[in-house]
C-alpha atoms as a PDB file:
ATOM      1  CA  MET A   1     -16.748   6.453 -16.344  1.00  0.00           C
ATOM      2  CA  CYS A   2     -16.859   9.931 -14.780  1.00  0.00           C
ATOM      3  CA  ALA A   3     -14.465  10.430 -11.866  1.00  0.00           C
ATOM      4  CA  HIS A   4     -13.789  13.336  -9.517  1.00  0.00           C
ATOM      5  CA  VAL A   5     -10.101  14.295  -9.782  1.00  0.00           C
ATOM      6  CA  VAL A   6      -8.053  16.835  -7.819  1.00  0.00           C
ATOM      7  CA  VAL A   7      -5.010  18.189  -9.688  1.00  0.00           C
ATOM      8  CA  ALA A   8      -2.391  19.844  -7.445  1.00  0.00           C
ATOM      9  CA  GLU A   9       0.211  21.533  -9.670  1.00  0.00           C
ATOM     10  CA  ASP A  10       1.913  24.895  -9.105  1.00  0.00           C
ATOM     11  CA  ASP A  11       2.677  25.382 -12.811  1.00  0.00           C
ATOM     12  CA  GLU A  12      -0.586  26.915 -14.037  1.00  0.00           C
ATOM     13  CA  LYS A  13      -0.002  26.043 -17.711  1.00  0.00           C
ATOM     14  CA  GLN A  14       0.778  22.433 -16.810  1.00  0.00           C
ATOM     15  CA  ALA A  15      -2.268  22.247 -14.545  1.00  0.00           C
ATOM     16  CA  GLU A  16      -4.526  23.630 -17.265  1.00  0.00           C
ATOM     17  CA  LEU A  17      -3.193  21.066 -19.766  1.00  0.00           C
ATOM     18  CA  VAL A  18      -3.977  18.201 -17.377  1.00  0.00           C
ATOM     19  CA  ARG A  19      -7.412  19.677 -16.687  1.00  0.00           C
ATOM     20  CA  ARG A  20      -8.288  19.832 -20.399  1.00  0.00           C
ATOM     21  CA  TYR A  21      -7.323  16.210 -20.999  1.00  0.00           C
ATOM     22  CA  LEU A  22      -9.283  15.034 -17.958  1.00  0.00           C
ATOM     23  CA  GLU A  23     -12.392  17.020 -18.854  1.00  0.00           C
ATOM     24  CA  ARG A  24     -12.168  15.741 -22.429  1.00  0.00           C
ATOM     25  CA  GLU A  25     -12.736  12.239 -20.991  1.00  0.00           C
ATOM     26  CA  GLY A  26     -15.711  13.435 -18.953  1.00  0.00           C
ATOM     27  CA  HIS A  27     -14.072  13.769 -15.531  1.00  0.00           C
ATOM     28  CA  ARG A  28     -14.860  16.506 -13.012  1.00  0.00           C
ATOM     29  CA  VAL A  29     -11.683  18.381 -12.103  1.00  0.00           C
ATOM     30  CA  VAL A  30     -10.611  20.645  -9.239  1.00  0.00           C
ATOM     31  CA  VAL A  31      -7.260  22.422  -9.784  1.00  0.00           C
ATOM     32  CA  VAL A  32      -5.159  23.876  -6.951  1.00  0.00           C
ATOM     33  CA  HIS A  33      -1.652  25.319  -6.955  1.00  0.00           C
ATOM     34  CA  ASP A  34      -0.152  24.630  -3.508  1.00  0.00           C
ATOM     35  CA  GLY A  35       0.002  21.863  -0.943  1.00  0.00           C
ATOM     36  CA  ARG A  36      -2.329  23.328   1.666  1.00  0.00           C
ATOM     37  CA  ALA A  37      -4.982  23.967  -0.963  1.00  0.00           C
ATOM     38  CA  ALA A  38      -4.542  20.362  -2.095  1.00  0.00           C
ATOM     39  CA  LEU A  39      -5.299  19.086   1.418  1.00  0.00           C
ATOM     40  CA  GLU A  40      -8.364  21.320   1.662  1.00  0.00           C
ATOM     41  CA  ALA A  41      -9.629  20.217  -1.764  1.00  0.00           C
ATOM     42  CA  VAL A  42      -9.214  16.509  -1.041  1.00  0.00           C
ATOM     43  CA  ARG A  43     -10.926  16.784   2.339  1.00  0.00           C
ATOM     44  CA  GLY A  44     -13.696  18.860   0.817  1.00  0.00           C
ATOM     45  CA  VAL A  45     -14.665  16.763  -2.214  1.00  0.00           C
ATOM     46  CA  THR A  46     -13.296  13.249  -1.397  1.00  0.00           C
ATOM     47  CA  PRO A  47     -12.035  12.642  -4.963  1.00  0.00           C
ATOM     48  CA  ASP A  48     -11.517   9.369  -6.818  1.00  0.00           C
ATOM     49  CA  LEU A  49      -7.934  10.330  -7.725  1.00  0.00           C
ATOM     50  CA  LEU A  50      -5.268  12.879  -6.785  1.00  0.00           C
ATOM     51  CA  VAL A  51      -2.706  14.076  -9.363  1.00  0.00           C
ATOM     52  CA  LEU A  52       0.002  15.549  -7.147  1.00  0.00           C
ATOM     53  CA  ASP A  53       3.054  17.618  -8.067  1.00  0.00           C
ATOM     54  CA  VAL A  54       6.014  17.097  -5.741  1.00  0.00           C
ATOM     55  CA  MET A  55       7.516  20.613  -5.782  1.00  0.00           C
ATOM     56  CA  MET A  56       4.793  22.980  -4.553  1.00  0.00           C
ATOM     57  CA  PRO A  57       4.758  26.027  -2.241  1.00  0.00           C
ATOM     58  CA  ARG A  58       3.485  26.035   1.350  1.00  0.00           C
ATOM     59  CA  THR A  59       3.411  22.224   1.649  1.00  0.00           C
ATOM     60  CA  ASP A  60       5.208  20.004  -0.859  1.00  0.00           C
ATOM     61  CA  GLY A  61       3.633  16.964  -2.503  1.00  0.00           C
ATOM     62  CA  LEU A  62       5.540  14.438  -0.402  1.00  0.00           C
ATOM     63  CA  ASP A  63       4.169  15.935   2.818  1.00  0.00           C
ATOM     64  CA  VAL A  64       0.671  16.121   1.321  1.00  0.00           C
ATOM     65  CA  CYS A  65       0.844  12.412   0.483  1.00  0.00           C
ATOM     66  CA  ARG A  66       2.156  11.506   3.945  1.00  0.00           C
ATOM     67  CA  ILE A  67      -0.563  13.529   5.701  1.00  0.00           C
ATOM     68  CA  LEU A  68      -3.382  12.040   3.611  1.00  0.00           C
ATOM     69  CA  ARG A  69      -2.157   8.470   4.047  1.00  0.00           C
ATOM     70  CA  ALA A  70      -2.321   8.946   7.829  1.00  0.00           C
ATOM     71  CA  GLU A  71      -6.044   9.777   7.586  1.00  0.00           C
ATOM     72  CA  PRO A  72      -8.199   6.603   7.351  1.00  0.00           C
ATOM     73  CA  GLU A  73     -10.628   8.199   4.892  1.00  0.00           C
ATOM     74  CA  PHE A  74      -7.835   8.751   2.353  1.00  0.00           C
ATOM     75  CA  ALA A  75      -5.553   5.804   3.090  1.00  0.00           C
ATOM     76  CA  ALA A  76      -6.600   4.122  -0.181  1.00  0.00           C
ATOM     77  CA  LEU A  77      -6.991   7.258  -2.344  1.00  0.00           C
ATOM     78  CA  PRO A  78      -5.155   6.678  -5.666  1.00  0.00           C
ATOM     79  CA  VAL A  79      -2.259   9.154  -5.931  1.00  0.00           C
ATOM     80  CA  LEU A  80      -0.221   9.826  -9.079  1.00  0.00           C
ATOM     81  CA  MET A  81       2.840  11.994  -8.493  1.00  0.00           C
ATOM     82  CA  LEU A  82       4.293  14.403 -11.061  1.00  0.00           C
ATOM     83  CA  THR A  83       7.851  15.604 -10.616  1.00  0.00           C
ATOM     84  CA  ALA A  84      10.896  17.014 -12.352  1.00  0.00           C
ATOM     85  CA  ARG A  85      12.970  14.732 -10.119  1.00  0.00           C
ATOM     86  CA  SER A  86      13.570  11.341 -11.680  1.00  0.00           C
ATOM     87  CA  THR A  87      16.260   9.674  -9.569  1.00  0.00           C
ATOM     88  CA  GLU A  88      15.518   6.281  -8.088  1.00  0.00           C
ATOM     89  CA  ASP A  89      15.812   7.643  -4.539  1.00  0.00           C
ATOM     90  CA  ASP A  90      13.147  10.281  -5.250  1.00  0.00           C
ATOM     91  CA  LEU A  91      10.894   7.653  -6.800  1.00  0.00           C
ATOM     92  CA  LEU A  92      11.250   5.243  -3.882  1.00  0.00           C
ATOM     93  CA  LEU A  93      10.642   8.003  -1.338  1.00  0.00           C
ATOM     94  CA  GLY A  94       7.372   8.907  -3.047  1.00  0.00           C
ATOM     95  CA  LEU A  95       6.265   5.286  -3.197  1.00  0.00           C
ATOM     96  CA  ASP A  96       7.261   4.686   0.409  1.00  0.00           C
ATOM     97  CA  LEU A  97       5.035   7.597   1.459  1.00  0.00           C
ATOM     98  CA  GLY A  98       2.094   5.997  -0.343  1.00  0.00           C
ATOM     99  CA  ALA A  99       2.077   7.194  -3.968  1.00  0.00           C
ATOM    100  CA  ASP A 100       0.678   4.629  -6.419  1.00  0.00           C
ATOM    101  CA  ASP A 101       2.390   5.842  -9.581  1.00  0.00           C
ATOM    102  CA  TYR A 102       5.070   8.325 -10.544  1.00  0.00           C
ATOM    103  CA  MET A 103       5.630  10.314 -13.768  1.00  0.00           C
ATOM    104  CA  SER A 104       8.678  12.427 -14.531  1.00  0.00           C
ATOM    105  CA  LYS A 105       8.378  15.758 -16.326  1.00  0.00           C
ATOM    106  CA  PRO A 106       8.166  16.400 -19.214  1.00  0.00           C
ATOM    107  CA  PHE A 107       5.559  13.716 -19.836  1.00  0.00           C
ATOM    108  CA  SER A 108       3.225  12.654 -22.608  1.00  0.00           C
ATOM    109  CA  PRO A 109      -0.386  13.729 -21.876  1.00  0.00           C
ATOM    110  CA  ARG A 110      -1.619  10.558 -23.587  1.00  0.00           C
ATOM    111  CA  GLU A 111       0.523   8.393 -21.323  1.00  0.00           C
ATOM    112  CA  LEU A 112      -0.645  10.378 -18.301  1.00  0.00           C
ATOM    113  CA  MET A 113      -4.269   9.663 -19.216  1.00  0.00           C
ATOM    114  CA  ALA A 114      -3.501   5.961 -19.707  1.00  0.00           C
ATOM    115  CA  ARG A 115      -1.987   5.814 -16.232  1.00  0.00           C
ATOM    116  CA  ILE A 116      -4.937   7.687 -14.743  1.00  0.00           C
ATOM    117  CA  ARG A 117      -7.373   5.230 -16.331  1.00  0.00           C
ATOM    118  CA  SER A 118      -5.330   2.352 -14.920  1.00  0.00           C
ATOM    119  CA  LEU A 119      -5.315   3.855 -11.410  1.00  0.00           C
ATOM    120  CA  LEU A 120      -9.052   4.486 -11.501  1.00  0.00           C
ATOM    121  CA  ARG A 121      -9.687   0.869 -12.494  1.00  0.00           C
ATOM    122  CA  ARG A 122      -7.381  -0.487  -9.797  1.00  0.00           C
ATOM    123  CA  GLY A 123      -8.874   1.912  -7.272  1.00  0.00           C
ATOM    124  CA  GLY A 124     -12.312   0.362  -7.775  1.00  0.00           C
ATOM    125  CA  HIS A 125     -13.834   3.229  -9.783  1.00  0.00           C
ATOM    126  CA  GLY A 126     -16.457   1.915 -12.179  1.00  0.00           C
ATOM    127  CA  GLN A 127     -18.038  -1.519 -12.159  1.00  0.00           C
ATOM    128  CA  ARG A 128     -15.991  -4.661 -11.764  1.00  0.00           C
ATOM    129  CA  ALA A 129     -16.937  -8.050 -13.021  1.00  0.00           C
ATOM    130  CA  ALA A 130     -19.529  -9.632 -10.744  1.00  0.00           C
ATOM    131  CA  ALA A 131     -17.650 -12.930 -10.894  1.00  0.00           C
ATOM    132  CA  ASP A 132     -14.548 -11.601  -9.075  1.00  0.00           C
ATOM    133  CA  PRO A 133     -14.110 -14.102  -6.235  1.00  0.00           C
ATOM    134  CA  VAL A 134     -13.227 -13.298  -2.655  1.00  0.00           C
ATOM    135  CA  LEU A 135      -9.714 -14.647  -2.048  1.00  0.00           C
ATOM    136  CA  THR A 136      -9.062 -16.193   1.364  1.00  0.00           C
ATOM    137  CA  VAL A 137      -5.659 -17.554   2.373  1.00  0.00           C
ATOM    138  CA  GLY A 138      -5.425 -18.454   6.041  1.00  0.00           C
ATOM    139  CA  ALA A 139      -6.151 -15.317   8.094  1.00  0.00           C
ATOM    140  CA  LEU A 140      -5.904 -13.082   4.999  1.00  0.00           C
ATOM    141  CA  THR A 141      -8.959 -12.108   2.908  1.00  0.00           C
ATOM    142  CA  VAL A 142      -8.811 -10.043  -0.294  1.00  0.00           C
ATOM    143  CA  ASP A 143     -12.206  -8.891  -1.593  1.00  0.00           C
ATOM    144  CA  PRO A 144     -11.842  -7.401  -5.121  1.00  0.00           C
ATOM    145  CA  GLY A 145     -15.513  -6.435  -5.371  1.00  0.00           C
ATOM    146  CA  ARG A 146     -15.426  -4.329  -2.199  1.00  0.00           C
ATOM    147  CA  HIS A 147     -11.746  -3.431  -2.603  1.00  0.00           C
ATOM    148  CA  GLU A 148     -11.072  -4.554   0.979  1.00  0.00           C
ATOM    149  CA  VAL A 149      -8.286  -6.465   2.707  1.00  0.00           C
ATOM    150  CA  TRP A 150      -8.744  -8.184   6.067  1.00  0.00           C
ATOM    151  CA  ALA A 151      -6.068  -9.833   8.199  1.00  0.00           C
ATOM    152  CA  HIS A 152      -6.592 -11.433  11.618  1.00  0.00           C
ATOM    153  CA  GLY A 153     -10.166 -10.123  11.663  1.00  0.00           C
ATOM    154  CA  ARG A 154      -9.303  -6.461  11.146  1.00  0.00           C
ATOM    155  CA  ARG A 155      -9.515  -4.334   8.036  1.00  0.00           C
ATOM    156  CA  ILE A 156      -6.207  -3.274   6.495  1.00  0.00           C
ATOM    157  CA  ASP A 157      -5.903   0.033   4.636  1.00  0.00           C
ATOM    158  CA  CYS A 158      -4.031  -0.482   1.352  1.00  0.00           C
ATOM    159  CA  THR A 159      -3.130   1.795  -1.522  1.00  0.00           C
ATOM    160  CA  PRO A 160      -4.394   0.656  -4.952  1.00  0.00           C
ATOM    161  CA  GLY A 161      -0.920  -0.608  -5.848  1.00  0.00           C
ATOM    162  CA  GLU A 162      -0.614  -2.598  -2.617  1.00  0.00           C
ATOM    163  CA  PHE A 163      -4.117  -4.001  -3.089  1.00  0.00           C
ATOM    164  CA  ARG A 164      -3.415  -5.140  -6.640  1.00  0.00           C
ATOM    165  CA  LEU A 165      -0.163  -6.802  -5.564  1.00  0.00           C
ATOM    166  CA  LEU A 166      -1.929  -8.720  -2.797  1.00  0.00           C
ATOM    167  CA  GLU A 167      -4.718  -9.681  -5.193  1.00  0.00           C
ATOM    168  CA  VAL A 168      -2.181 -11.135  -7.643  1.00  0.00           C
ATOM    169  CA  LEU A 169      -0.310 -13.131  -4.977  1.00  0.00           C
ATOM    170  CA  ALA A 170      -3.505 -14.340  -3.266  1.00  0.00           C
ATOM    171  CA  SER A 171      -4.892 -15.604  -6.566  1.00  0.00           C
ATOM    172  CA  ARG A 172      -2.184 -18.318  -6.572  1.00  0.00           C
ATOM    173  CA  PRO A 173      -0.925 -19.014  -3.029  1.00  0.00           C
ATOM    174  CA  GLY A 174       2.469 -20.682  -2.993  1.00  0.00           C
ATOM    175  CA  GLN A 175       3.339 -19.664  -6.560  1.00  0.00           C
ATOM    176  CA  VAL A 176       6.451 -17.532  -6.975  1.00  0.00           C
ATOM    177  CA  PHE A 177       6.029 -14.328  -9.008  1.00  0.00           C
ATOM    178  CA  THR A 178       9.058 -12.482 -10.358  1.00  0.00           C
ATOM    179  CA  ARG A 179       9.276  -8.727  -9.938  1.00  0.00           C
ATOM    180  CA  ALA A 180       8.770  -8.318 -13.681  1.00  0.00           C
ATOM    181  CA  GLN A 181       5.577 -10.396 -13.550  1.00  0.00           C
ATOM    182  CA  ILE A 182       4.236  -8.380 -10.626  1.00  0.00           C
ATOM    183  CA  LEU A 183       5.033  -5.072 -12.339  1.00  0.00           C
ATOM    184  CA  ASP A 184       3.243  -6.311 -15.444  1.00  0.00           C
ATOM    185  CA  HIS A 185       0.123  -6.911 -13.334  1.00  0.00           C
ATOM    186  CA  LEU A 186       0.485  -3.537 -11.621  1.00  0.00           C
ATOM    187  CA  HIS A 187       1.087  -1.344 -14.616  1.00  0.00           C
ATOM    188  CA  GLY A 188       1.351  -3.269 -17.856  1.00  0.00           C
ATOM    189  CA  PHE A 189       3.972  -0.778 -19.053  1.00  0.00           C
ATOM    190  CA  ASP A 190       6.326   1.599 -17.322  1.00  0.00           C
ATOM    191  CA  ARG A 191       9.360   3.591 -18.328  1.00  0.00           C
ATOM    192  CA  TYR A 192      10.174   5.124 -14.967  1.00  0.00           C
ATOM    193  CA  ILE A 193       9.306   2.674 -12.217  1.00  0.00           C
ATOM    194  CA  THR A 194      11.812  -0.111 -11.628  1.00  0.00           C
ATOM    195  CA  SER A 195      11.535  -3.517 -10.023  1.00  0.00           C
ATOM    196  CA  ARG A 196      12.375  -1.900  -6.673  1.00  0.00           C
ATOM    197  CA  THR A 197       8.845  -0.499  -6.731  1.00  0.00           C
ATOM    198  CA  VAL A 198       7.661  -4.012  -5.905  1.00  0.00           C
ATOM    199  CA  ASP A 199      10.123  -4.211  -3.004  1.00  0.00           C
ATOM    200  CA  VAL A 200       8.700  -0.997  -1.519  1.00  0.00           C
ATOM    201  CA  HIS A 201       5.112  -2.265  -1.782  1.00  0.00           C
ATOM    202  CA  ILE A 202       6.111  -5.578  -0.167  1.00  0.00           C
ATOM    203  CA  MET A 203       7.877  -3.763   2.678  1.00  0.00           C
ATOM    204  CA  ASN A 204       4.804  -1.609   3.358  1.00  0.00           C
ATOM    205  CA  LEU A 205       2.445  -4.598   3.225  1.00  0.00           C
ATOM    206  CA  ARG A 206       4.611  -6.559   5.657  1.00  0.00           C
ATOM    207  CA  ARG A 207       4.297  -3.732   8.167  1.00  0.00           C
ATOM    208  CA  LYS A 208       0.528  -3.985   7.870  1.00  0.00           C
ATOM    209  CA  ILE A 209      -0.189  -7.735   7.882  1.00  0.00           C
ATOM    210  CA  GLU A 210       2.817  -9.654   9.207  1.00  0.00           C
ATOM    211  CA  ARG A 211       3.089 -10.729  12.831  1.00  0.00           C
ATOM    212  CA  ASP A 212       6.779  -9.756  12.723  1.00  0.00           C
ATOM    213  CA  PRO A 213       7.751  -7.763   9.591  1.00  0.00           C
ATOM    214  CA  ARG A 214      11.426  -8.601  10.192  1.00  0.00           C
ATOM    215  CA  ARG A 215      10.680 -12.336   9.930  1.00  0.00           C
ATOM    216  CA  ALA A 216       8.055 -12.481   7.229  1.00  0.00           C
ATOM    217  CA  ASP A 217       6.135 -15.755   7.088  1.00  0.00           C
ATOM    218  CA  CYS A 218       3.278 -14.587   4.826  1.00  0.00           C
ATOM    219  CA  LEU A 219       4.828 -12.442   2.078  1.00  0.00           C
ATOM    220  CA  VAL A 220       7.859 -14.611   1.467  1.00  0.00           C
ATOM    221  CA  THR A 221      10.987 -13.574  -0.431  1.00  0.00           C
ATOM    222  CA  VAL A 222      12.339 -16.263  -2.762  1.00  0.00           C
ATOM    223  CA  TYR A 223      15.902 -15.014  -3.160  1.00  0.00           C
ATOM    224  CA  GLY A 224      17.016 -14.463  -6.715  1.00  0.00           C
ATOM    225  CA  VAL A 225      13.488 -15.021  -8.053  1.00  0.00           C
ATOM    226  CA  GLY A 226      10.731 -12.879  -6.509  1.00  0.00           C
ATOM    227  CA  TYR A 227       7.894 -13.180  -3.987  1.00  0.00           C
ATOM    228  CA  LYS A 228       5.079 -15.520  -3.049  1.00  0.00           C
ATOM    229  CA  LEU A 229       2.181 -15.635  -0.615  1.00  0.00           C
ATOM    230  CA  ALA A 230       2.544 -18.552   1.793  1.00  0.00           C
ATOM    231  CA  ASP A 231      -0.155 -21.225   1.448  1.00  0.00           C
ATOM    232  CA  SER A 232      -1.160 -20.723   5.078  1.00  0.00           C
ATOM    233  CA  GLY A 233      -1.361 -16.923   4.863  1.00  0.00           C
ATOM    234  CA  PRO A 234      -0.320 -14.751   7.830  1.00  0.00           C
ATOM    235  CA  ARG A 235       0.058 -16.478  11.156  1.00  0.00           C
ATOM    236  CA  ALA A 236      -2.141 -15.412  14.020  1.00  0.00           C
ATOM    237  CA  PRO A 237      -0.409 -13.402  16.741  1.00  0.00           C
ATOM    238  CA  GLN A 238       0.765 -15.573  19.609  1.00  0.00           C
ATOM    239  CA  GLU A 239      -1.045 -15.113  22.864  1.00  0.00           C
ATOM    240  CA  SER A 240       1.186 -13.887  25.606  1.00  0.00           C
ATOM    241  CA  GLN A 241       1.720 -16.428  28.305  1.00  0.00           C
ATOM    242  CA  GLU A 242       3.209 -15.774  31.724  1.00  0.00           C
ATOM    243  CA  PRO A 243       6.373 -17.777  32.185  1.00  0.00           C
ATOM    244  CA  GLN A 244       6.084 -20.488  34.768  1.00  0.00           C
ATOM    245  CA  LYS A 245       8.058 -19.834  37.891  1.00  0.00           C
ATOM    246  CA  PRO A 246      10.749 -22.429  38.521  1.00  0.00           C
ATOM    247  CA  GLN A 247      10.070 -24.623  41.474  1.00  0.00           C
ATOM    248  CA  GLU A 248      12.213 -23.882  44.456  1.00  0.00           C
ATOM    249  CA  PRO A 249      14.476 -26.768  45.386  1.00  0.00           C
ATOM    250  CA  GLN A 250      13.390 -28.590  48.500  1.00  0.00           C
ATOM    251  CA  LYS A 251      15.558 -28.023  51.515  1.00  0.00           C
ATOM    252  CA  PRO A 252      17.132 -31.171  52.935  1.00  0.00           C
ATOM    253  CA  GLN A 253      15.552 -32.195  56.186  1.00  0.00           C
ATOM    254  CA  GLU A 254      17.706 -31.747  59.272  1.00  0.00           C
ATOM    255  CA  PRO A 255      18.534 -35.031  61.007  1.00  0.00           C
ATOM    256  CA  GLN A 256      16.502 -35.520  64.149  1.00  0.00           C
ATOM    257  CA  GLU A 257      18.280 -36.232  67.424  1.00  0.00           C
ATOM    258  CA  PRO A 258      17.769 -39.793  68.659  1.00  0.00           C
ATOM    259  CA  HIS A 259      15.238 -40.116  71.443  1.00  0.00           C
ATOM    260  CA  ARG A 260      16.957 -40.718  74.758  1.00  0.00           C
ATOM    261  CA  ALA A 261      15.232 -42.651  77.524  1.00  0.00           C
ATOM    262  CA  ARG A 262      15.157 -40.846  80.861  1.00  0.00           C
END
């Protein structure tokens, strides 16, 4: 499974280490050392995966991720962030901007490669089983073979993590999944990402598919347990109707003067 990977890392020794491990598995690798070069490389080669350092000169990794996610062509590009920052706030900010996975430095190269393989599989790289069914729940359709999500007749751009989460929930509408169960489907193992990762993905998906993200009726929170996909899927947007004007009250008729004979 040969993939095209862009590695954006300002530490040249670290970048070269990642390159060697990727090339050892047969991948084609482009290495850059600042954020602007990362944007140019991604737009130039349209890679299967971006390994993105957060702290880089010119444009940092968070801004690179935000810019790419705003471009339809790269809205679903798998992004793995590398950073020396490991606080939960840093992690959630990266995920909220569209990163699919997050590794803190120093990291194990073997674990990095395992995560990259997982992201490439979830991103649709390589062949999937031909028997993967199309999942339809109300107005929501999840197509694993094409790696597409449709809601209310329009295509929804999802990151690989968001897509996998929807695929899991849509496979059993109405069933409640705990955060731990969802994380197990997303990653299988993880030392850095917490259950709040799931909350961030849910929040982003609600913005994309719910009629009113503040009153979710599709991706439902079951308090104290986890999340489920409603059996009916997302509700169709209500058509706007002009309010009926209230009828004006009828004026009482003035009494007529009696007819006088002349």
